[in-house]
Amino acid sequence: MNSLLGFAWLSRYAGEEPEISLSMFGLSPEYMGKGWGKLFLEKIESVIPRGQSLRAECTPYAQNMKTMLKRNGFRRLRQSIVPAGCRGLDVYIKKL
């Protein structure tokens, strides 16, 4: 039986910096915390041309996502820090 591991939504806008945006990334609950997210992220990175950046956006409440990004070499952009009690997105970036 096959099951869905997860999904990702990647986009690139013409005329901007050489950057790919990772707008959505999710795993089925039974695969979380077992290294599948790291493997999935590595597969995504392997198809992005060298010299480009991968930009990931997540809500301040997406603690698992933020932890995975930090562990995999992403850095949070300083201007994206969202104060407690406010709404916004944390933005992480990794040059490939």
Protein backbone atom coordinates (compact mmCIF):
# COMPACT_ATOMS: atom_id res chain seq x y z
CA MET A 1 0.00 0.00 0.00
CA ASN A 2 1.28 3.46 -0.90
CA SER A 3 0.83 6.43 1.37
CA LEU A 4 1.54 10.12 1.02
CA LEU A 5 4.82 11.10 2.67
CA GLY A 6 4.35 14.84 2.38
CA PHE A 7 4.23 17.79 0.01
CA ALA A 8 6.12 20.95 -0.90
CA TRP A 9 5.21 24.04 -2.89
CA LEU A 10 8.13 25.72 -4.63
CA SER A 11 7.99 28.84 -6.80
CA ARG A 12 10.32 31.16 -8.64
CA TYR A 13 9.47 34.60 -9.93
CA ALA A 14 10.98 35.91 -13.16
CA GLY A 15 13.16 38.98 -12.86
CA GLU A 16 13.95 38.62 -9.17
CA GLU A 17 17.03 37.45 -7.34
CA PRO A 18 18.12 33.91 -8.19
CA GLU A 19 15.93 32.54 -5.43
CA ILE A 20 13.43 29.73 -5.07
CA SER A 21 10.65 30.12 -2.49
CA LEU A 22 9.52 27.18 -0.39
CA SER A 23 6.06 28.41 0.55
CA MET A 24 4.62 25.17 1.91
CA PHE A 25 6.24 22.04 3.28
CA GLY A 26 4.51 19.31 5.22
CA LEU A 27 4.84 15.68 6.24
CA SER A 28 2.24 13.16 7.22
CA PRO A 29 2.27 12.84 11.03
CA GLU A 30 3.51 9.22 10.97
CA TYR A 31 6.72 10.35 9.22
CA MET A 32 7.56 13.27 11.51
CA GLY A 33 10.62 13.07 13.75
CA LYS A 34 12.15 10.15 11.82
CA GLY A 35 14.48 11.97 9.41
CA TRP A 36 12.05 12.03 6.48
CA GLY A 37 11.76 15.83 6.55
CA LYS A 38 15.52 16.20 6.29
CA LEU A 39 15.63 13.73 3.40
CA PHE A 40 12.75 15.49 1.64
CA LEU A 41 14.47 18.88 2.07
CA GLU A 42 17.76 17.45 0.73
CA LYS A 43 15.92 16.15 -2.37
CA ILE A 44 14.42 19.59 -2.94
CA GLU A 45 17.85 21.21 -2.62
CA SER A 46 19.35 18.71 -5.09
CA VAL A 47 17.16 19.98 -7.95
CA ILE A 48 17.88 23.68 -7.39
CA PRO A 49 20.76 25.03 -9.50
CA ARG A 50 23.92 25.91 -7.59
CA GLY A 51 24.32 29.59 -6.83
CA GLN A 52 20.63 30.09 -6.16
CA SER A 53 19.08 30.48 -2.74
CA LEU A 54 16.22 28.58 -1.17
CA ARG A 55 13.94 30.84 0.85
CA ALA A 56 11.51 29.29 3.33
CA GLU A 57 8.69 31.14 5.02
CA CYS A 58 6.87 29.84 8.06
CA THR A 59 4.62 31.14 10.78
CA PRO A 60 6.15 31.86 14.18
CA TYR A 61 4.15 28.89 15.50
CA ALA A 62 5.75 26.32 13.14
CA GLN A 63 8.37 25.27 15.70
CA ASN A 64 9.18 21.91 14.04
CA MET A 65 9.73 23.58 10.66
CA LYS A 66 11.95 26.30 12.12
CA THR A 67 14.04 23.70 13.98
CA MET A 68 14.48 21.61 10.81
CA LEU A 69 15.50 24.66 8.78
CA LYS A 70 18.09 25.76 11.35
CA ARG A 71 19.54 22.23 11.59
CA ASN A 72 19.90 22.14 7.82
CA GLY A 73 21.91 25.31 7.37
CA PHE A 74 19.21 27.94 6.93
CA ARG A 75 19.57 31.30 8.63
CA ARG A 76 16.70 33.52 9.67
CA LEU A 77 16.66 36.93 8.06
CA ARG A 78 16.94 39.55 10.77
CA GLN A 79 14.11 41.73 9.49
CA SER A 80 11.72 38.79 9.65
CA ILE A 81 11.78 38.38 13.42
CA VAL A 82 8.18 38.60 14.60
CA PRO A 83 7.62 39.87 18.15
CA ALA A 84 5.55 37.68 20.47
CA GLY A 85 1.85 38.34 20.16
CA CYS A 86 2.14 39.67 16.60
CA ARG A 87 1.35 38.03 13.29
CA GLY A 88 3.79 37.61 10.47
CA LEU A 89 6.19 35.21 8.82
CA ASP A 90 9.67 34.15 9.82
CA VAL A 91 11.88 34.02 6.73
CA TYR A 92 14.84 31.64 6.47
CA ILE A 93 17.32 31.45 3.59
CA LYS A 94 20.04 29.10 2.44
CA LYS A 95 22.50 29.75 -0.40
CA LEU A 96 23.03 26.59 -2.44
